Amino acid sequence: MKKFLSIILAVIMISSVLPMAFAAESETVILYTNDTHCEGYPAIAAYRAELIAQGKNVVLVDAGDAIQGEIIGSLTEGEAVVDLMNAAGYDYAVPGNHEFDYGMEKFLDLAQNKAEYTYISSNFYHLPTIDPVFAPYAIEDFGDYQIAF
């Protein structure tokens, strides 16, 4: 009877570990920044790389106010910051009020021609047509599940 119970216990323990091992393989981490004002990109890039090296899916998102604030942003009107965000591996960004500090035309040029990540916004429209400037959301597929941004 002891052998039978030992075998049953071993089977239960092994089967309970399998779902955790599968979950660890497909774990998704969402990293976000906001109000960085030109700072912190090397640290977030290093953390993102560490998580990817651990086998995790990583989505990096900025919630606005990224391209203005420090000298590098001011001297390049945000271009150098977009380069840093590209290098860090951002996937999505939402414009904050400071994205417009260098003018609408400059921001749209950065967002549409320089950024390698996607800007999304549900409340930014061309006037007078009221057409959206960016897609209002994005959906990422991760095998059996999806995440909306």
Protein backbone atom coordinates (compact mmCIF):
# COMPACT_ATOMS: atom_id res chain seq x y z
CA MET A 1 0.00 0.00 0.00
CA LYS A 2 2.87 2.40 0.77
CA LYS A 3 4.36 1.87 -2.71
CA PHE A 4 1.00 2.55 -4.33
CA LEU A 5 0.53 5.77 -2.33
CA SER A 6 4.11 6.84 -3.13
CA ILE A 7 3.50 6.35 -6.86
CA ILE A 8 0.20 8.27 -6.73
CA LEU A 9 1.85 11.09 -4.77
CA ALA A 10 4.74 11.24 -7.28
CA VAL A 11 2.32 11.40 -10.23
CA ILE A 12 0.33 14.20 -8.56
CA MET A 13 3.51 16.17 -7.78
CA ILE A 14 4.86 15.80 -11.34
CA SER A 15 1.55 16.74 -12.94
CA SER A 16 1.23 19.80 -10.72
CA VAL A 17 4.67 21.05 -11.82
CA LEU A 18 3.99 20.68 -15.57
CA PRO A 19 1.49 23.54 -15.83
CA MET A 20 3.88 25.85 -13.95
CA ALA A 21 6.72 24.95 -16.31
CA PHE A 22 4.50 25.69 -19.30
CA ALA A 23 3.36 28.98 -17.78
CA ALA A 24 6.95 30.06 -17.17
CA GLU A 25 7.76 29.46 -20.84
CA SER A 26 4.97 31.71 -22.05
CA GLU A 27 5.08 34.39 -19.35
CA THR A 28 4.53 37.88 -20.69
CA VAL A 29 5.83 40.98 -18.97
CA ILE A 30 4.55 44.44 -19.81
CA LEU A 31 7.03 47.17 -19.01
CA TYR A 32 5.86 50.75 -19.17
CA THR A 33 7.32 54.16 -18.68
CA ASN A 34 5.66 57.52 -18.37
CA ASP A 35 6.86 61.05 -17.75
CA THR A 36 10.46 60.02 -18.41
CA HIS A 37 11.28 63.43 -19.92
CA CYS A 38 14.34 62.06 -21.78
CA GLU A 39 15.71 59.92 -18.93
CA GLY A 40 16.10 56.26 -17.97
CA TYR A 41 16.32 54.55 -21.35
CA PRO A 42 19.54 52.58 -20.72
CA ALA A 43 18.09 51.09 -17.52
CA ILE A 44 14.79 50.06 -19.12
CA ALA A 45 16.65 48.61 -22.13
CA ALA A 46 18.88 46.53 -19.83
CA TYR A 47 15.92 45.27 -17.82
CA ARG A 48 14.03 44.38 -21.01
CA ALA A 49 17.07 42.47 -22.31
CA GLU A 50 17.38 40.59 -19.01
CA LEU A 51 13.74 39.51 -19.13
CA ILE A 52 14.05 38.39 -22.75
CA ALA A 53 17.17 36.38 -21.84
CA GLN A 54 15.04 34.62 -19.21
CA GLY A 55 12.69 33.54 -22.01
CA LYS A 56 9.87 35.95 -21.29
CA ASN A 57 7.73 37.78 -23.83
CA VAL A 58 8.26 41.48 -23.21
CA VAL A 59 6.16 44.40 -24.43
CA LEU A 60 7.59 47.86 -23.75
CA VAL A 61 5.13 50.77 -23.72
CA ASP A 62 5.48 54.50 -23.03
CA ALA A 63 2.50 56.43 -21.67
CA GLY A 64 3.65 59.89 -22.75
CA ASP A 65 5.89 62.84 -21.97
CA ALA A 66 9.02 61.14 -23.27
CA ILE A 67 10.69 63.44 -25.79
CA GLN A 68 10.97 66.71 -23.83
CA GLY A 69 12.74 67.63 -20.63
CA GLU A 70 16.51 67.26 -20.78
CA ILE A 71 19.11 68.98 -22.96
CA ILE A 72 19.25 66.04 -25.39
CA GLY A 73 15.53 66.45 -26.06
CA SER A 74 15.71 70.21 -26.43
CA LEU A 75 18.77 70.28 -28.70
CA THR A 76 17.34 67.68 -31.08
CA GLU A 77 13.65 68.53 -30.68
CA GLY A 78 13.02 64.99 -29.51
CA GLU A 79 14.82 63.14 -32.32
CA ALA A 80 17.62 61.77 -30.13
CA VAL A 81 15.06 60.54 -27.61
CA VAL A 82 13.16 58.68 -30.33
CA ASP A 83 16.49 57.09 -31.30
CA LEU A 84 16.97 56.01 -27.67
CA MET A 85 13.45 54.61 -27.52
CA ASN A 86 14.06 52.72 -30.78
CA ALA A 87 17.29 51.28 -29.35
CA ALA A 88 15.55 50.32 -26.10
CA GLY A 89 12.99 48.31 -28.06
CA TYR A 90 9.75 50.14 -27.38
CA ASP A 91 6.69 48.53 -28.95
CA TYR A 92 4.05 51.21 -28.33
CA ALA A 93 3.79 54.79 -27.18
CA VAL A 94 0.94 57.14 -26.39
CA PRO A 95 1.48 60.86 -26.92
CA GLY A 96 1.47 62.99 -23.81
CA ASN A 97 1.10 66.74 -23.72
CA HIS A 98 4.87 67.31 -23.92
CA GLU A 99 5.15 65.39 -27.20
CA PHE A 100 3.74 68.56 -28.78
CA ASP A 101 6.27 70.98 -27.22
CA TYR A 102 8.22 71.22 -30.49
CA GLY A 103 5.05 71.67 -32.52
CA MET A 104 2.47 69.38 -34.07
CA GLU A 105 4.37 69.02 -37.35
CA LYS A 106 7.60 67.98 -35.59
CA PHE A 107 5.83 65.42 -33.40
CA LEU A 108 3.96 63.88 -36.32
CA ASP A 109 7.22 63.64 -38.28
CA LEU A 110 8.90 61.86 -35.35
CA ALA A 111 5.93 59.57 -34.74
CA GLN A 112 5.29 58.63 -38.36
CA ASN A 113 8.79 58.69 -39.88
CA LYS A 114 11.37 58.20 -37.13
CA ALA A 115 9.81 56.02 -34.43
CA GLU A 116 10.19 52.28 -34.98
CA TYR A 117 7.47 51.68 -32.41
CA THR A 118 3.78 52.35 -32.90
CA TYR A 119 1.98 55.35 -31.50
CA ILE A 120 -1.62 54.69 -30.43
CA SER A 121 -4.21 57.13 -29.14
CA SER A 122 -7.96 56.99 -28.77
CA ASN A 123 -8.48 60.74 -28.51
CA PHE A 124 -6.23 62.47 -31.04
CA TYR A 125 -8.02 63.58 -34.20
CA HIS A 126 -7.35 65.53 -37.38
CA LEU A 127 -9.46 68.66 -37.50
CA PRO A 128 -11.88 69.40 -39.05
CA THR A 129 -12.42 65.86 -40.41
CA ILE A 130 -12.36 64.19 -36.96
CA ASP A 131 -10.36 61.30 -38.43
CA PRO A 132 -8.10 59.58 -35.88
CA VAL A 133 -4.40 60.40 -36.22
CA PHE A 134 -3.31 57.03 -34.79
CA ALA A 135 -5.03 53.71 -34.27
CA PRO A 136 -6.97 53.85 -31.00
CA TYR A 137 -5.55 50.55 -29.74
CA ALA A 138 -3.37 47.58 -30.63
CA ILE A 139 -3.78 43.88 -29.88
CA GLU A 140 -0.80 41.54 -29.43
CA ASP A 141 -1.13 37.77 -29.87
CA PHE A 142 0.76 35.51 -27.48
CA GLY A 143 -0.26 32.01 -28.50
CA ASP A 144 -3.37 31.15 -26.53
CA TYR A 145 -4.07 34.67 -25.34
CA GLN A 146 -4.18 38.28 -26.54
CA ILE A 147 -3.35 41.54 -24.83
CA ALA A 148 -4.92 44.84 -25.87
CA PHE A 149 -3.14 48.16 -25.48
